[in-house]
């Protein structure tokens, strides 16, 4: 792999240990994937988790003198000031969260604490080379926006942000962005929830391949629809790039989606029947519930408005907690418009800058929760809480009743 004299000097430690560690990782990635060279980036997103490994890596770089050449946006950990009013955490858990925030401040990150930066806080343009980690973010910027990012880890994305470069391989290359197989879709897609279930179906089939979706009736998905599709395709599979014919920017035609190669026969057809079967396989649980959790990926302001509409003045059952995790800007808008206050009167709480996969939620573990996101269920079930997955209207009805029928 070719390195410039400046890149070699960083690798040799001439700019200090922090920059050297970042370059060592980027160089190793480039060698592993046979990259020709490094290319500059103008944007990065780091999926910090508020867990020891990611925080250790950031501290290692910044304590070695590194500062980000490209200030990256960041994933959430959890709002310690707000959530400790409601939930007990250990001193060690709180200290790790505080260390995380401190390390990313010092290294020069943008502390957006948002898992879907492509919606507003960090939106790359078509064809732009970026380094994005986070399973909700990478499919969105590649598929919906046509920007170019590999499926970065939090450590590689931070290293790229420090150096301002990433290896030229994978989804940065035209040949790796072409569709690998075709799926025909003949299904109704009225809500972003349906796009999420479709994504979950597609991810199982795709693995790490690039799916091309051909719709019987060309849809017009919005940003939440794209976000839910990609997040779930990256949860059940490892999809970081997709095409929707006549919808996404690199697939104006079926021929363009496959990059001029021979168009294959459809590998499968997904109809309403398949979507219902997928939903049923994900949502067998019923009974008393202790939590409705929404916001994986983070809710937008429009989704907050929809929650209020569905409650129609009714209140959350006294035995059930209702939490919405939203992008901080959406929470701020809700505060200004008094939407937050109206929802709190109904028993609905919202929090920004927070992920569902954090220790502050551990008091709910062991009892049944309900969510509209298979990704949320996946992460929470790893921590010991079973979840049923339902569309938003059913989540609201379950919260009012305190049980899922």
Protein backbone atom coordinates (compact mmCIF):
# COMPACT_ATOMS: atom_id res chain seq x y z
CA UNK A 1 0.00 0.00 0.00
CA UNK A 2 1.38 3.39 -1.00
CA UNK A 3 1.95 5.93 1.78
CA UNK A 4 2.99 9.53 1.27
CA UNK A 5 6.04 10.87 3.11
CA UNK A 6 3.73 12.64 5.57
CA UNK A 7 1.77 9.43 6.22
CA UNK A 8 5.02 7.51 6.75
CA UNK A 9 6.20 10.09 9.26
CA UNK A 10 2.98 9.72 11.26
CA UNK A 11 3.36 5.93 11.18
CA UNK A 12 6.93 6.33 12.41
CA UNK A 13 5.72 8.33 15.41
CA UNK A 14 7.03 11.76 14.43
CA UNK A 15 3.73 13.44 15.42
CA UNK A 16 3.42 11.58 18.69
CA UNK A 17 2.07 8.32 20.05
CA UNK A 18 -1.63 9.13 19.60
CA UNK A 19 -1.38 9.86 15.89
CA UNK A 20 0.93 6.87 15.47
CA UNK A 21 -1.62 4.48 17.03
CA UNK A 22 -4.38 5.83 14.77
CA UNK A 23 -2.20 5.45 11.68
CA UNK A 24 -1.12 1.95 12.68
CA UNK A 25 -4.74 0.86 12.73
CA UNK A 26 -5.59 2.52 9.41
CA UNK A 27 -2.45 1.10 7.80
CA UNK A 28 -3.28 -2.40 9.08
CA UNK A 29 -6.80 -2.14 7.65
CA UNK A 30 -5.43 -1.03 4.31
CA UNK A 31 -3.00 -3.94 4.17
CA UNK A 32 -5.71 -6.41 5.19
CA UNK A 33 -8.06 -5.31 2.42
CA UNK A 34 -5.40 -4.68 -0.27
CA UNK A 35 -6.02 -0.95 -0.40
CA UNK A 36 -3.98 0.95 -2.97
CA UNK A 37 -3.62 4.05 -0.80
CA UNK A 38 -5.33 6.30 1.74
CA UNK A 39 -7.91 8.86 0.65
CA UNK A 40 -9.04 12.03 2.46
CA UNK A 41 -12.41 12.23 4.19
CA UNK A 42 -14.43 15.27 5.17
CA UNK A 43 -16.82 13.55 7.58
CA UNK A 44 -16.76 10.82 10.18
CA UNK A 45 -19.13 9.32 12.72
CA UNK A 46 -17.98 7.33 15.73
CA UNK A 47 -20.31 4.80 17.33
CA UNK A 48 -19.02 5.28 20.84
CA UNK A 49 -20.82 2.89 23.14
CA UNK A 50 -19.96 4.19 26.56
CA UNK A 51 -18.31 0.81 27.14
CA UNK A 52 -14.77 0.18 28.26
CA UNK A 53 -13.18 -0.85 24.95
CA UNK A 54 -14.28 2.20 22.95
CA UNK A 55 -13.50 4.60 25.77
CA UNK A 56 -10.06 3.05 26.29
CA UNK A 57 -9.22 3.52 22.60
CA UNK A 58 -10.24 7.18 22.62
CA UNK A 59 -8.26 7.80 25.81
CA UNK A 60 -5.23 6.03 24.31
CA UNK A 61 -5.25 8.35 21.29
CA UNK A 62 -5.99 11.63 23.06
CA UNK A 63 -3.59 10.95 25.94
CA UNK A 64 -0.97 10.39 23.23
CA UNK A 65 -1.58 13.89 21.91
CA UNK A 66 -4.04 13.16 19.09
CA UNK A 67 -6.79 15.56 18.09
CA UNK A 68 -9.29 14.88 15.30
CA UNK A 69 -8.42 16.36 11.92
CA UNK A 70 -12.07 15.78 10.97
CA UNK A 71 -14.30 16.37 14.01
CA UNK A 72 -16.66 13.36 14.02
CA UNK A 73 -20.22 13.22 15.23
CA UNK A 74 -20.80 10.61 17.92
CA UNK A 75 -23.27 7.96 18.99
CA UNK A 76 -25.04 8.27 22.35
CA UNK A 77 -24.18 6.67 25.62
CA UNK A 78 -26.68 7.95 28.22
CA UNK A 79 -27.82 11.20 29.80
CA UNK A 80 -26.34 10.78 33.25
CA UNK A 81 -27.72 14.05 34.66
CA UNK A 82 -31.34 13.23 33.76
CA UNK A 83 -31.60 9.46 34.04
CA UNK A 84 -29.95 9.14 37.46
CA UNK A 85 -33.04 10.94 38.79
CA UNK A 86 -35.04 7.84 37.88
CA UNK A 87 -32.65 4.87 37.94
CA UNK A 88 -29.88 3.57 40.15
CA UNK A 89 -26.49 2.85 38.63
CA UNK A 90 -23.21 1.83 40.22
CA UNK A 91 -20.42 4.30 40.81
CA UNK A 92 -18.33 2.39 38.25
CA UNK A 93 -21.05 2.68 35.59
CA UNK A 94 -21.38 6.41 36.17
CA UNK A 95 -17.63 6.96 36.12
CA UNK A 96 -17.30 5.12 32.80
CA UNK A 97 -19.96 7.36 31.26
CA UNK A 98 -18.17 10.45 32.56
CA UNK A 99 -14.83 9.18 31.23
CA UNK A 100 -16.40 8.64 27.82
CA UNK A 101 -17.70 12.18 27.54
CA UNK A 102 -14.42 13.63 28.78
CA UNK A 103 -12.29 11.64 26.32
CA UNK A 104 -14.35 12.57 23.27
CA UNK A 105 -14.44 16.22 24.28
CA UNK A 106 -10.65 16.32 24.54
CA UNK A 107 -10.10 14.61 21.19
CA UNK A 108 -12.28 17.19 19.44
CA UNK A 109 -15.42 15.23 18.57
CA UNK A 110 -18.82 16.80 18.01
CA UNK A 111 -20.83 15.46 20.93
CA UNK A 112 -24.09 14.97 19.04
CA UNK A 113 -24.86 11.67 20.81
CA UNK A 114 -27.11 10.65 17.92
CA UNK A 115 -27.17 7.25 16.17
CA UNK A 116 -28.59 8.60 12.89
CA UNK A 117 -26.41 11.60 11.98
CA UNK A 118 -27.28 11.36 8.29
CA UNK A 119 -30.74 12.75 9.08
CA UNK A 120 -29.50 16.16 10.12
CA UNK A 121 -26.32 16.60 12.15
CA UNK A 122 -23.84 15.10 9.68
CA UNK A 123 -25.28 14.67 6.17
CA UNK A 124 -22.77 13.68 3.46
CA UNK A 125 -23.44 14.54 -0.14
CA UNK A 126 -23.66 12.11 -3.05
CA UNK A 127 -20.33 10.42 -3.80
CA UNK A 128 -18.53 11.89 -0.79
CA UNK A 129 -15.98 9.62 0.93
CA UNK A 130 -16.67 9.36 4.68
CA UNK A 131 -15.90 7.04 7.60
CA UNK A 132 -19.11 6.15 9.43
CA UNK A 133 -19.56 3.50 12.08
CA UNK A 134 -22.98 2.54 13.56
CA UNK A 135 -25.31 -0.04 12.02
CA UNK A 136 -28.13 2.48 11.59
CA UNK A 137 -25.89 5.11 10.00
CA UNK A 138 -23.76 3.26 7.44
CA UNK A 139 -26.58 1.71 5.37
CA UNK A 140 -28.37 5.08 5.37
CA UNK A 141 -25.45 7.10 4.02
CA UNK A 142 -24.47 4.43 1.46
CA UNK A 143 -27.93 3.42 0.27
CA UNK A 144 -30.23 6.38 0.78
CA UNK A 145 -27.71 9.20 0.20
CA UNK A 146 -25.15 7.62 -2.11
CA UNK A 147 -22.18 8.69 0.00
CA UNK A 148 -19.30 6.21 0.41
CA UNK A 149 -18.35 4.56 3.68
CA UNK A 150 -17.17 1.16 4.71
CA UNK A 151 -18.80 -0.65 7.60
CA UNK A 152 -16.44 0.94 10.09
CA UNK A 153 -15.99 0.02 13.71
CA UNK A 154 -15.94 2.73 16.35
CA UNK A 155 -12.16 2.39 16.65
CA UNK A 156 -11.47 2.59 12.90
CA UNK A 157 -13.86 5.52 12.44
CA UNK A 158 -12.13 7.44 15.24
CA UNK A 159 -8.70 6.64 13.78
CA UNK A 160 -9.88 7.96 10.41
CA UNK A 161 -11.21 11.11 12.08
CA UNK A 162 -7.84 11.69 13.77
CA UNK A 163 -5.82 11.22 10.57
CA UNK A 164 -8.44 12.66 8.22
CA UNK A 165 -8.04 9.70 5.87
CA UNK A 166 -9.28 6.16 5.31
CA UNK A 167 -8.01 3.27 3.16
CA UNK A 168 -9.33 3.07 -0.40
CA UNK A 169 -11.16 -0.26 -0.45
CA UNK A 170 -14.65 -1.74 -0.19
CA UNK A 171 -17.59 0.62 -0.59
CA UNK A 172 -15.31 3.45 -1.64
CA UNK A 173 -14.86 1.60 -4.96
CA UNK A 174 -17.47 1.47 -7.72
CA UNK A 175 -17.19 -2.30 -8.19
CA UNK A 176 -17.99 -3.00 -4.53
CA UNK A 177 -21.14 -0.88 -4.55
CA UNK A 178 -22.95 -2.77 -7.30
CA UNK A 179 -25.89 -4.99 -6.47
CA UNK A 180 -25.19 -8.66 -5.81
CA UNK A 181 -28.70 -10.12 -6.05
CA UNK A 182 -32.29 -9.13 -6.76
CA UNK A 183 -35.38 -9.20 -4.53
CA UNK A 184 -38.85 -8.41 -5.84
CA UNK A 185 -41.15 -6.63 -3.37
CA UNK A 186 -44.94 -6.72 -3.75
CA UNK A 187 -46.05 -5.47 -0.35
CA UNK A 188 -47.76 -2.50 1.26
CA UNK A 189 -45.39 -0.16 3.12
CA UNK A 190 -47.58 2.38 4.96
CA UNK A 191 -45.32 3.04 7.97
CA UNK A 192 -41.62 3.11 8.82
CA UNK A 193 -42.33 0.03 10.95
CA UNK A 194 -43.15 -1.89 7.76
CA UNK A 195 -39.88 -0.73 6.23
CA UNK A 196 -38.11 -2.05 9.32
CA UNK A 197 -39.75 -5.47 8.99
CA UNK A 198 -38.85 -5.50 5.30
CA UNK A 199 -35.26 -4.66 6.23
CA UNK A 200 -35.21 -7.50 8.74
CA UNK A 201 -36.39 -9.91 6.03
CA UNK A 202 -33.82 -8.62 3.57
CA UNK A 203 -30.94 -8.78 6.06
CA UNK A 204 -31.56 -12.47 6.73
CA UNK A 205 -31.40 -13.20 3.01
CA UNK A 206 -28.53 -10.87 2.18
CA UNK A 207 -25.95 -11.54 4.86
CA UNK A 208 -23.22 -9.13 3.79
CA UNK A 209 -24.25 -9.00 0.12
CA UNK A 210 -25.65 -5.86 -1.54
CA UNK A 211 -29.39 -6.36 -2.17
CA UNK A 212 -31.27 -4.75 -5.05
CA UNK A 213 -34.99 -4.27 -4.37
CA UNK A 214 -37.44 -3.99 -7.25
CA UNK A 215 -40.89 -2.86 -6.14
CA UNK A 216 -44.08 -3.71 -7.97
CA UNK A 217 -45.38 -0.23 -7.13
CA UNK A 218 -42.50 2.24 -6.77
CA UNK A 219 -42.70 3.69 -3.24
CA UNK A 220 -41.64 7.10 -2.01
CA UNK A 221 -39.98 6.38 1.35
CA UNK A 222 -39.14 9.20 3.75
CA UNK A 223 -36.05 9.53 5.91
CA UNK A 224 -37.48 7.47 8.77
CA UNK A 225 -38.41 4.72 6.31
CA UNK A 226 -34.89 4.54 4.90
CA UNK A 227 -33.46 4.64 8.41
CA UNK A 228 -35.60 1.79 9.72
CA UNK A 229 -34.96 -0.35 6.65
CA UNK A 230 -31.19 -0.04 6.87
CA UNK A 231 -31.01 -0.42 10.66
CA UNK A 232 -32.92 -3.70 10.60
CA UNK A 233 -31.11 -5.04 7.52
CA UNK A 234 -27.88 -4.48 9.44
CA UNK A 235 -29.33 -6.21 12.53
CA UNK A 236 -30.56 -9.48 11.00
CA UNK A 237 -27.71 -9.38 8.45
CA UNK A 238 -24.65 -7.25 7.78
CA UNK A 239 -26.05 -4.99 5.05
CA UNK A 240 -24.12 -1.75 4.61
CA UNK A 241 -25.15 -0.98 1.01
CA UNK A 242 -28.43 -1.48 -0.83
CA UNK A 243 -30.29 -0.31 -3.90
CA UNK A 244 -33.99 0.35 -4.48
CA UNK A 245 -34.74 0.62 -8.18
CA UNK A 246 -36.16 4.01 -9.11
CA UNK A 247 -35.75 5.20 -5.53
CA UNK A 248 -32.14 5.34 -4.30
CA UNK A 249 -29.61 7.58 -6.08
CA UNK A 250 -27.36 4.87 -7.54
CA UNK A 251 -30.26 2.81 -8.90
CA UNK A 252 -32.28 4.94 -11.34
CA UNK A 253 -32.65 1.73 -13.36
CA UNK A 254 -32.19 -1.96 -12.73
CA UNK A 255 -29.19 -1.92 -15.06
CA UNK A 256 -27.55 0.88 -13.08
CA UNK A 257 -28.11 -0.96 -9.78
CA UNK A 258 -26.08 -3.92 -11.09
CA UNK A 259 -23.43 -1.70 -12.60
CA UNK A 260 -23.95 -2.90 -16.15
CA UNK A 261 -23.51 -6.55 -15.26
CA UNK A 262 -25.98 -9.25 -16.22
CA UNK A 263 -29.24 -8.82 -14.32
CA UNK A 264 -30.04 -11.99 -12.36
CA UNK A 265 -33.45 -13.50 -11.79
CA UNK A 266 -35.10 -12.51 -8.53
CA UNK A 267 -33.81 -14.62 -5.66
CA UNK A 268 -37.14 -14.28 -3.87
CA UNK A 269 -40.40 -12.31 -3.76
CA UNK A 270 -41.45 -10.55 -0.54
CA UNK A 271 -45.18 -9.94 -0.19
CA UNK A 272 -47.46 -8.90 2.67
CA UNK A 273 -47.60 -12.58 3.61
CA UNK A 274 -43.82 -12.78 4.10
CA UNK A 275 -43.77 -9.53 6.10
CA UNK A 276 -46.55 -10.83 8.38
CA UNK A 277 -44.71 -14.12 8.86
CA UNK A 278 -41.53 -12.23 9.77
CA UNK A 279 -43.42 -10.07 12.25
CA UNK A 280 -45.09 -13.12 13.81
CA UNK A 281 -41.72 -14.85 14.22
CA UNK A 282 -40.35 -11.81 16.05
CA UNK A 283 -43.32 -11.10 18.30
CA UNK A 284 -44.68 -14.22 20.02
CA UNK A 285 -44.72 -12.85 23.57
CA UNK A 286 -47.88 -11.53 25.26
CA UNK A 287 -48.92 -10.67 28.81
CA UNK A 288 -48.21 -8.05 31.44
CA UNK A 289 -45.57 -5.50 30.43
CA UNK A 290 -43.36 -3.18 32.46
CA UNK A 291 -41.87 -1.06 29.68
CA UNK A 292 -42.56 0.41 26.26
CA UNK A 293 -39.28 1.56 24.73
CA UNK A 294 -39.13 3.49 21.45
CA UNK A 295 -36.25 5.14 19.66
CA UNK A 296 -33.82 2.63 18.17
CA UNK A 297 -32.88 4.34 15.87
CA UNK A 298 -33.57 7.63 17.63
CA UNK A 299 -37.04 9.07 17.15
CA UNK A 300 -37.53 12.21 15.08
CA UNK A 301 -39.83 15.10 15.99
CA UNK A 302 -42.45 13.85 13.52
CA UNK A 303 -42.51 10.49 15.27
CA UNK A 304 -42.99 12.22 18.63
CA UNK A 305 -46.02 13.99 17.19
CA UNK A 306 -47.42 10.66 16.02
CA UNK A 307 -47.12 9.23 19.55
CA UNK A 308 -49.23 12.09 20.90
CA UNK A 309 -51.84 11.57 18.17
CA UNK A 310 -52.16 7.86 18.96
CA UNK A 311 -52.59 8.42 22.70
CA UNK A 312 -55.50 10.79 22.01
CA UNK A 313 -55.44 12.05 25.59
CA UNK A 314 -55.26 8.63 27.28
CA UNK A 315 -52.67 7.83 29.94
CA UNK A 316 -50.00 5.16 30.31
CA UNK A 317 -51.04 2.41 32.73
CA UNK A 318 -49.60 2.83 36.21
CA UNK A 319 -47.75 -0.49 36.03
CA UNK A 320 -45.90 0.42 32.83
CA UNK A 321 -43.09 2.84 32.00
CA UNK A 322 -43.03 4.52 28.59
CA UNK A 323 -39.69 5.86 27.37
CA UNK A 324 -38.84 7.45 24.02
CA UNK A 325 -35.19 7.94 23.07
CA UNK A 326 -34.85 10.78 20.59
CA UNK A 327 -32.26 12.94 18.93
CA UNK A 328 -31.45 15.89 21.18
CA UNK A 329 -32.71 18.38 18.60
CA UNK A 330 -36.08 16.63 18.52
CA UNK A 331 -36.24 16.73 22.31
CA UNK A 332 -35.43 20.45 22.23
CA UNK A 333 -38.19 21.08 19.68
CA UNK A 334 -40.60 19.08 21.80
CA UNK A 335 -39.65 21.19 24.81
CA UNK A 336 -40.16 24.46 22.93
CA UNK A 337 -43.52 23.41 21.51
CA UNK A 338 -44.68 21.96 24.87
CA UNK A 339 -45.10 18.58 23.21
CA UNK A 340 -42.79 17.09 25.82
CA UNK A 341 -44.84 18.53 28.64
CA UNK A 342 -48.09 17.25 27.11
CA UNK A 343 -46.68 13.76 26.71
CA UNK A 344 -45.33 13.73 30.26
CA UNK A 345 -48.85 14.44 31.53
CA UNK A 346 -49.86 11.21 29.77
CA UNK A 347 -47.02 9.25 31.42
CA UNK A 348 -44.68 9.36 28.42
CA UNK A 349 -41.08 10.38 29.06
CA UNK A 350 -38.42 11.19 26.50
CA UNK A 351 -34.67 11.52 26.76
CA UNK A 352 -32.00 12.66 24.33
CA UNK A 353 -28.36 11.67 24.04
CA UNK A 354 -29.12 8.11 25.17
CA UNK A 355 -28.94 4.58 23.75
CA UNK A 356 -31.20 1.65 24.60
CA UNK A 357 -28.11 -0.51 25.24
CA UNK A 358 -26.97 1.12 28.47
CA UNK A 359 -26.90 0.11 32.17
CA UNK A 360 -29.40 2.79 33.22
CA UNK A 361 -32.24 0.55 31.94
CA UNK A 362 -31.29 -2.53 33.96
CA UNK A 363 -34.15 -2.16 36.48
CA UNK A 364 -36.58 -3.32 33.78
CA UNK A 365 -34.73 -6.54 33.07
CA UNK A 366 -36.51 -9.82 33.69
CA UNK A 367 -40.00 -8.61 32.68
CA UNK A 368 -41.63 -8.17 29.28
CA UNK A 369 -41.09 -5.01 27.27
CA UNK A 370 -42.63 -3.81 23.99
CA UNK A 371 -40.93 -1.92 21.18
CA UNK A 372 -41.45 -1.07 17.51
CA UNK A 373 -37.84 -1.97 16.66
CA UNK A 374 -36.30 -5.43 16.21
CA UNK A 375 -32.91 -3.77 16.72
CA UNK A 376 -34.00 -2.47 20.13
CA UNK A 377 -35.27 -5.93 21.08
CA UNK A 378 -32.00 -7.53 19.95
CA UNK A 379 -29.86 -5.35 22.21
CA UNK A 380 -32.18 -5.36 25.21
CA UNK A 381 -32.66 -9.13 25.12
CA UNK A 382 -28.88 -9.54 25.33
CA UNK A 383 -29.11 -7.72 28.64
CA UNK A 384 -31.87 -9.92 30.04
CA UNK A 385 -35.21 -8.40 29.07
CA UNK A 386 -37.53 -10.19 26.62
CA UNK A 387 -39.29 -7.92 24.15
CA UNK A 388 -42.32 -8.14 21.91
CA UNK A 389 -42.10 -6.19 18.65
CA UNK A 390 -45.21 -4.36 17.45
CA UNK A 391 -46.05 -1.37 15.30
CA UNK A 392 -46.36 1.97 17.10
CA UNK A 393 -50.15 1.97 17.39
CA UNK A 394 -50.06 -1.42 19.14
CA UNK A 395 -47.25 -0.25 21.45
CA UNK A 396 -49.45 2.65 22.54
CA UNK A 397 -52.47 0.42 23.16
CA UNK A 398 -50.32 -1.96 25.23
CA UNK A 399 -49.06 0.97 27.31
CA UNK A 400 -52.62 2.13 28.04
CA UNK A 401 -53.69 -1.38 29.08
CA UNK A 402 -50.47 -2.35 30.84
CA UNK A 403 -50.42 -5.60 28.92
CA UNK A 404 -50.00 -6.98 25.46
CA UNK A 405 -52.83 -9.18 24.24
